[in-house]
Amino acid sequence: MHERDLQDYLNPAEKKWAEYFVSILEKVANEHVELCTPFADPRQQQIAGDIAEGYSELKCLFWGGIPEAERARIFVSPFPEVKMTQSSQVGCLVVKGKFPAHTLTHRDFLGAVLGLGLRREMVGDIIYRGGDTAFIIIHADLVPFLLQGLQEVGRYAVEVSTLDLEELEQVLPPKRVKEIKGTVPSMRIDVVAGLGFGLSRSKIAPLIKGGQVKVNHQVINQPSRLVKLGDMISLAGKGRIELVSSSGETRKGRLHLLIHRII
């Protein structure tokens, strides 16, 4: 049954992840131990959730440090409740520096961490919403390494400290959202994403075909693919947008859209 399920994943990266997660489930079931995966992105979490339905005797818990975390570690247990403590597997760093306004982005902090030799799956969400402070969620056992090794982001010196995850939600600055209003001839992803990211169809189409655009965390490579209200569209290096609402049509049949761009 599980082999047939794995054949559903034609994308090599997705199939590799699915095989890995099945191996985790099998080990937990056969050896009666608890295991925890590295940080999984939203698509990997979707795949894991689908596969886990075939292992109803096991408990799976997804935790990325805060309830709304995009990336999460998956705790797998043969017991009715997960005994492994989440705080022993997920840690949080506070990174402070004199960052000029509108200079650094999420990618700068990620690059600084990966530049120390860490793999992407070792790092959870990186939360930076401007100002002098960023928060990095990471494998708990890597916290001491980063406390010593992370000394600058971009060309700016930083001070790094730890924070209990219970306190993180209380100190996070609010999300920044930019409202974008406009009209589109259809709900094709190339025109909708073009509006949301401020790109022409001729510029967004090659990015879609090149696998740089995702809809609800799945790579889409067809510019003609239709999207709908509520969908989340992400563009590599440009963040993501959410299709919030539509307020009818213009006289020429174009659709009024309200889009939120997460900045």
Protein backbone atom coordinates (compact mmCIF):
# COMPACT_ATOMS: atom_id res chain seq x y z
CA MET A 1 0.00 0.00 0.00
CA HIS A 2 2.80 2.41 0.89
CA GLU A 3 4.67 1.72 -2.38
CA ARG A 4 1.57 2.68 -4.32
CA ASP A 5 1.28 5.88 -2.29
CA LEU A 6 4.90 6.80 -3.06
CA GLN A 7 4.24 6.51 -6.78
CA ASP A 8 1.92 9.52 -6.44
CA TYR A 9 4.96 11.77 -6.05
CA LEU A 10 6.47 12.34 -9.47
CA ASN A 11 8.68 15.22 -8.41
CA PRO A 12 12.06 13.66 -7.43
CA ALA A 13 12.46 15.90 -4.37
CA GLU A 14 8.95 15.10 -3.15
CA LYS A 15 9.46 11.38 -3.72
CA LYS A 16 12.76 11.46 -1.81
CA TRP A 17 11.08 13.19 1.12
CA ALA A 18 8.17 10.75 1.05
CA GLU A 19 10.56 7.78 1.13
CA TYR A 20 12.45 9.35 4.01
CA PHE A 21 9.29 9.97 6.02
CA VAL A 22 8.07 6.41 5.42
CA SER A 23 11.41 5.18 6.77
CA ILE A 24 10.85 7.25 9.92
CA LEU A 25 7.35 5.86 10.38
CA GLU A 26 8.54 2.29 9.85
CA LYS A 27 11.38 2.68 12.34
CA VAL A 28 9.05 4.10 14.98
CA ALA A 29 6.52 1.34 14.42
CA ASN A 30 9.05 -1.49 14.39
CA GLU A 31 11.38 -0.34 17.16
CA HIS A 32 8.81 1.41 19.36
CA VAL A 33 10.88 4.58 19.68
CA GLU A 34 10.14 8.27 19.23
CA LEU A 35 11.83 10.16 16.39
CA CYS A 36 11.85 13.74 15.18
CA THR A 37 12.49 14.94 11.62
CA PRO A 38 14.47 18.02 10.63
CA PHE A 39 12.43 21.12 9.78
CA ALA A 40 9.99 20.37 6.98
CA ASP A 41 8.60 22.99 4.64
CA PRO A 42 4.82 23.28 4.16
CA ARG A 43 4.72 20.96 1.14
CA GLN A 44 6.74 18.33 2.98
CA GLN A 45 4.34 18.63 5.89
CA GLN A 46 1.41 18.04 3.54
CA ILE A 47 3.06 14.91 2.19
CA ALA A 48 3.88 13.69 5.69
CA GLY A 49 0.29 14.23 6.80
CA ASP A 50 -1.04 12.25 3.85
CA ILE A 51 1.35 9.36 4.41
CA ALA A 52 0.76 9.32 8.18
CA GLU A 53 -2.91 8.51 7.59
CA GLY A 54 -1.76 4.99 6.69
CA TYR A 55 -0.13 4.64 10.12
CA SER A 56 -3.08 5.30 12.39
CA GLU A 57 -1.33 3.55 15.29
CA LEU A 58 1.31 6.30 15.40
CA LYS A 59 1.06 9.84 16.73
CA CYS A 60 2.46 12.72 14.64
CA LEU A 61 2.97 16.20 16.04
CA PHE A 62 4.03 19.15 13.88
CA TRP A 63 5.85 21.92 15.76
CA GLY A 64 7.89 24.84 14.53
CA GLY A 65 8.24 26.91 17.69
CA ILE A 66 5.08 29.01 17.31
CA PRO A 67 1.59 27.95 16.17
CA GLU A 68 1.79 29.86 12.87
CA ALA A 69 5.28 28.63 11.97
CA GLU A 70 5.70 27.81 8.29
CA ARG A 71 8.46 25.26 8.79
CA ALA A 72 8.04 22.56 11.44
CA ARG A 73 9.75 19.50 12.88
CA ILE A 74 7.58 16.39 12.87
CA PHE A 75 7.55 14.35 16.07
CA VAL A 76 6.56 10.72 15.51
CA SER A 77 5.63 8.54 18.46
CA PRO A 78 4.27 5.02 18.99
CA PHE A 79 2.54 6.25 22.15
CA PRO A 80 -0.89 7.95 22.46
CA GLU A 81 0.91 11.20 23.34
CA VAL A 82 4.35 12.40 22.27
CA LYS A 83 6.72 12.08 25.23
CA MET A 84 9.65 13.89 23.63
CA THR A 85 9.55 17.54 24.74
CA GLN A 86 9.33 20.07 21.94
CA SER A 87 11.64 22.50 23.76
CA SER A 88 14.42 19.89 23.70
CA GLN A 89 14.30 19.81 19.89
CA VAL A 90 13.41 23.39 18.87
CA GLY A 91 15.27 26.49 20.04
CA CYS A 92 15.07 30.22 19.35
CA LEU A 93 17.79 32.81 18.84
CA VAL A 94 17.44 36.58 19.06
CA VAL A 95 19.70 38.43 16.63
CA LYS A 96 20.22 42.15 17.26
CA GLY A 97 22.16 44.67 15.23
CA LYS A 98 22.18 48.24 13.97
CA PHE A 99 20.41 47.46 10.70
CA PRO A 100 19.58 50.47 8.51
CA ALA A 101 15.93 50.66 7.48
CA HIS A 102 14.93 48.70 4.37
CA THR A 103 18.39 47.15 4.03
CA LEU A 104 18.15 43.52 5.16
CA THR A 105 15.64 40.82 4.33
CA HIS A 106 14.86 37.32 5.52
CA ARG A 107 17.34 35.99 2.94
CA ASP A 108 20.24 37.91 4.50
CA PHE A 109 19.70 36.22 7.87
CA LEU A 110 19.25 32.82 6.25
CA GLY A 111 22.40 33.30 4.20
CA ALA A 112 24.40 34.22 7.30
CA VAL A 113 23.27 31.03 9.06
CA LEU A 114 23.80 28.73 6.09
CA GLY A 115 27.17 30.37 5.51
CA LEU A 116 28.31 28.73 8.74
CA GLY A 117 27.88 25.32 7.11
CA LEU A 118 24.36 24.44 8.21
CA ARG A 119 21.83 22.76 5.92
CA ARG A 120 18.48 24.42 5.24
CA GLU A 121 16.52 21.70 7.02
CA MET A 122 18.34 22.51 10.26
CA VAL A 123 16.73 25.95 10.33
CA GLY A 124 13.07 26.73 10.95
CA ASP A 125 11.32 30.05 10.45
CA ILE A 126 13.34 33.25 10.37
CA ILE A 127 11.23 36.17 11.46
CA TYR A 128 12.40 39.64 10.51
CA ARG A 129 9.92 42.45 10.16
CA GLY A 130 12.27 45.39 10.12
CA GLY A 131 13.96 47.15 13.00
CA ASP A 132 17.01 45.96 14.91
CA THR A 133 15.85 42.44 15.85
CA ALA A 134 15.34 39.13 14.09
CA PHE A 135 14.30 35.76 15.50
CA ILE A 136 15.69 32.47 14.23
CA ILE A 137 14.08 29.14 15.10
CA ILE A 138 16.54 26.29 14.87
CA HIS A 139 17.48 22.79 16.01
CA ALA A 140 17.91 23.11 19.76
CA ASP A 141 21.27 21.33 19.76
CA LEU A 142 22.69 23.93 17.35
CA VAL A 143 21.96 26.88 19.62
CA PRO A 144 25.43 26.88 21.31
CA PHE A 145 27.15 26.73 17.92
CA LEU A 146 25.27 29.76 16.59
CA LEU A 147 25.69 31.73 19.80
CA GLN A 148 29.41 31.67 19.12
CA GLY A 149 29.55 31.45 15.34
CA LEU A 150 26.96 33.96 14.14
CA GLN A 151 28.77 37.31 14.36
CA GLU A 152 27.42 39.29 11.44
CA VAL A 153 24.53 39.48 9.01
CA GLY A 154 25.40 41.11 5.74
CA ARG A 155 28.14 43.49 6.80
CA TYR A 156 26.53 44.36 10.12
CA ALA A 157 27.81 43.05 13.44
CA VAL A 158 25.21 41.26 15.55
CA GLU A 159 24.67 40.15 19.12
CA VAL A 160 23.01 36.76 19.55
CA SER A 161 21.09 35.52 22.57
CA THR A 162 18.48 32.86 23.32
CA LEU A 163 14.77 33.17 24.01
CA ASP A 164 12.29 30.71 25.48
CA LEU A 165 9.72 29.75 22.87
CA GLU A 166 6.96 30.50 25.38
CA GLU A 167 8.02 34.15 25.24
CA LEU A 168 8.45 34.40 21.47
CA GLU A 169 4.82 35.08 20.59
CA GLN A 170 4.67 37.88 23.14
CA VAL A 171 7.61 39.82 21.70
CA LEU A 172 7.05 39.29 17.97
CA PRO A 173 6.25 42.49 16.06
CA PRO A 174 3.03 42.34 14.01
CA LYS A 175 3.12 41.11 10.45
CA ARG A 176 3.38 43.78 7.81
CA VAL A 177 0.92 43.48 4.96
CA LYS A 178 0.68 45.61 1.85
CA GLU A 179 -2.75 45.85 0.24
CA ILE A 180 -2.74 45.64 -3.54
CA LYS A 181 -5.87 46.40 -5.55
CA GLY A 182 -6.23 45.97 -9.27
CA THR A 183 -8.04 44.25 -12.09
CA VAL A 184 -7.13 41.14 -14.05
CA PRO A 185 -8.63 39.62 -17.20
CA SER A 186 -8.75 36.15 -15.62
CA MET A 187 -7.57 34.12 -12.63
CA ARG A 188 -4.57 32.73 -14.51
CA ILE A 189 -1.56 32.56 -12.24
CA ASP A 190 0.63 34.61 -14.56
CA VAL A 191 -1.68 37.63 -14.49
CA VAL A 192 -2.61 37.34 -10.81
CA ALA A 193 0.99 36.82 -9.66
CA GLY A 194 2.07 39.60 -12.00
CA LEU A 195 -0.32 42.00 -10.28
CA GLY A 196 0.70 40.89 -6.80
CA PHE A 197 4.45 41.07 -7.38
CA GLY A 198 4.43 44.05 -9.74
CA LEU A 199 5.74 42.13 -12.75
CA SER A 200 4.54 41.94 -16.33
CA ARG A 201 3.24 38.66 -17.75
CA SER A 202 6.31 38.46 -19.98
CA LYS A 203 8.55 38.59 -16.89
CA ILE A 204 6.54 36.33 -14.58
CA ALA A 205 5.88 33.57 -17.15
CA PRO A 206 9.53 32.39 -17.39
CA LEU A 207 9.76 32.35 -13.59
CA ILE A 208 6.68 30.13 -13.40
CA LYS A 209 8.03 27.79 -16.08
CA GLY A 210 11.34 27.70 -14.21
CA GLY A 211 9.70 26.38 -11.04
CA GLN A 212 10.16 29.54 -8.98
CA VAL A 213 6.46 30.01 -8.21
CA LYS A 214 4.39 27.98 -5.77
CA VAL A 215 0.66 27.89 -5.11
CA ASN A 216 -0.21 26.71 -1.62
CA HIS A 217 3.38 25.46 -1.30
CA GLN A 218 3.33 23.35 -4.47
CA VAL A 219 5.52 24.23 -7.43
CA ILE A 220 3.50 25.30 -10.46
CA ASN A 221 5.12 25.52 -13.89
CA GLN A 222 2.15 26.32 -16.11
CA PRO A 223 1.41 30.06 -16.55
CA SER A 224 -2.16 29.19 -17.58
CA ARG A 225 -2.91 27.46 -14.27
CA LEU A 226 -6.01 28.99 -12.61
CA VAL A 227 -5.92 30.16 -9.01
CA LYS A 228 -8.76 31.02 -6.64
CA LEU A 229 -9.53 33.25 -3.68
CA GLY A 230 -7.74 32.11 -0.55
CA ASP A 231 -4.73 30.76 -2.45
CA MET A 232 -1.23 31.65 -1.30
CA ILE A 233 1.28 32.34 -4.07
CA SER A 234 5.00 32.58 -3.40
CA LEU A 235 7.80 33.71 -5.70
CA ALA A 236 11.38 32.76 -4.87
CA GLY A 237 13.19 35.76 -3.44
CA LYS A 238 10.08 37.97 -3.54
CA GLY A 239 7.96 36.66 -0.68
CA ARG A 240 4.33 35.68 -0.97
CA ILE A 241 0.88 37.04 -1.66
CA GLU A 242 -2.61 35.96 -0.61
CA LEU A 243 -5.70 36.35 -2.78
CA VAL A 244 -8.08 37.94 -0.31
CA SER A 245 -11.26 38.95 -2.14
CA SER A 246 -12.93 39.94 -5.39
CA SER A 247 -15.46 42.74 -5.70
CA GLY A 248 -17.06 41.97 -9.03
CA GLU A 249 -16.22 42.85 -12.61
CA THR A 250 -15.55 45.98 -14.60
CA ARG A 251 -17.69 46.87 -17.59
CA LYS A 252 -15.15 45.12 -19.76
CA GLY A 253 -15.34 41.91 -17.73
CA ARG A 254 -12.09 42.32 -15.78
CA LEU A 255 -12.06 41.07 -12.17
CA HIS A 256 -11.45 43.40 -9.24
CA LEU A 257 -8.97 41.74 -6.83
CA LEU A 258 -7.70 42.56 -3.38
CA ILE A 259 -4.31 40.97 -2.69
CA HIS A 260 -2.25 41.00 0.49
CA ARG A 261 1.48 40.94 0.03
CA ILE A 262 3.38 39.80 3.10
CA ILE A 263 6.37 42.12 3.56
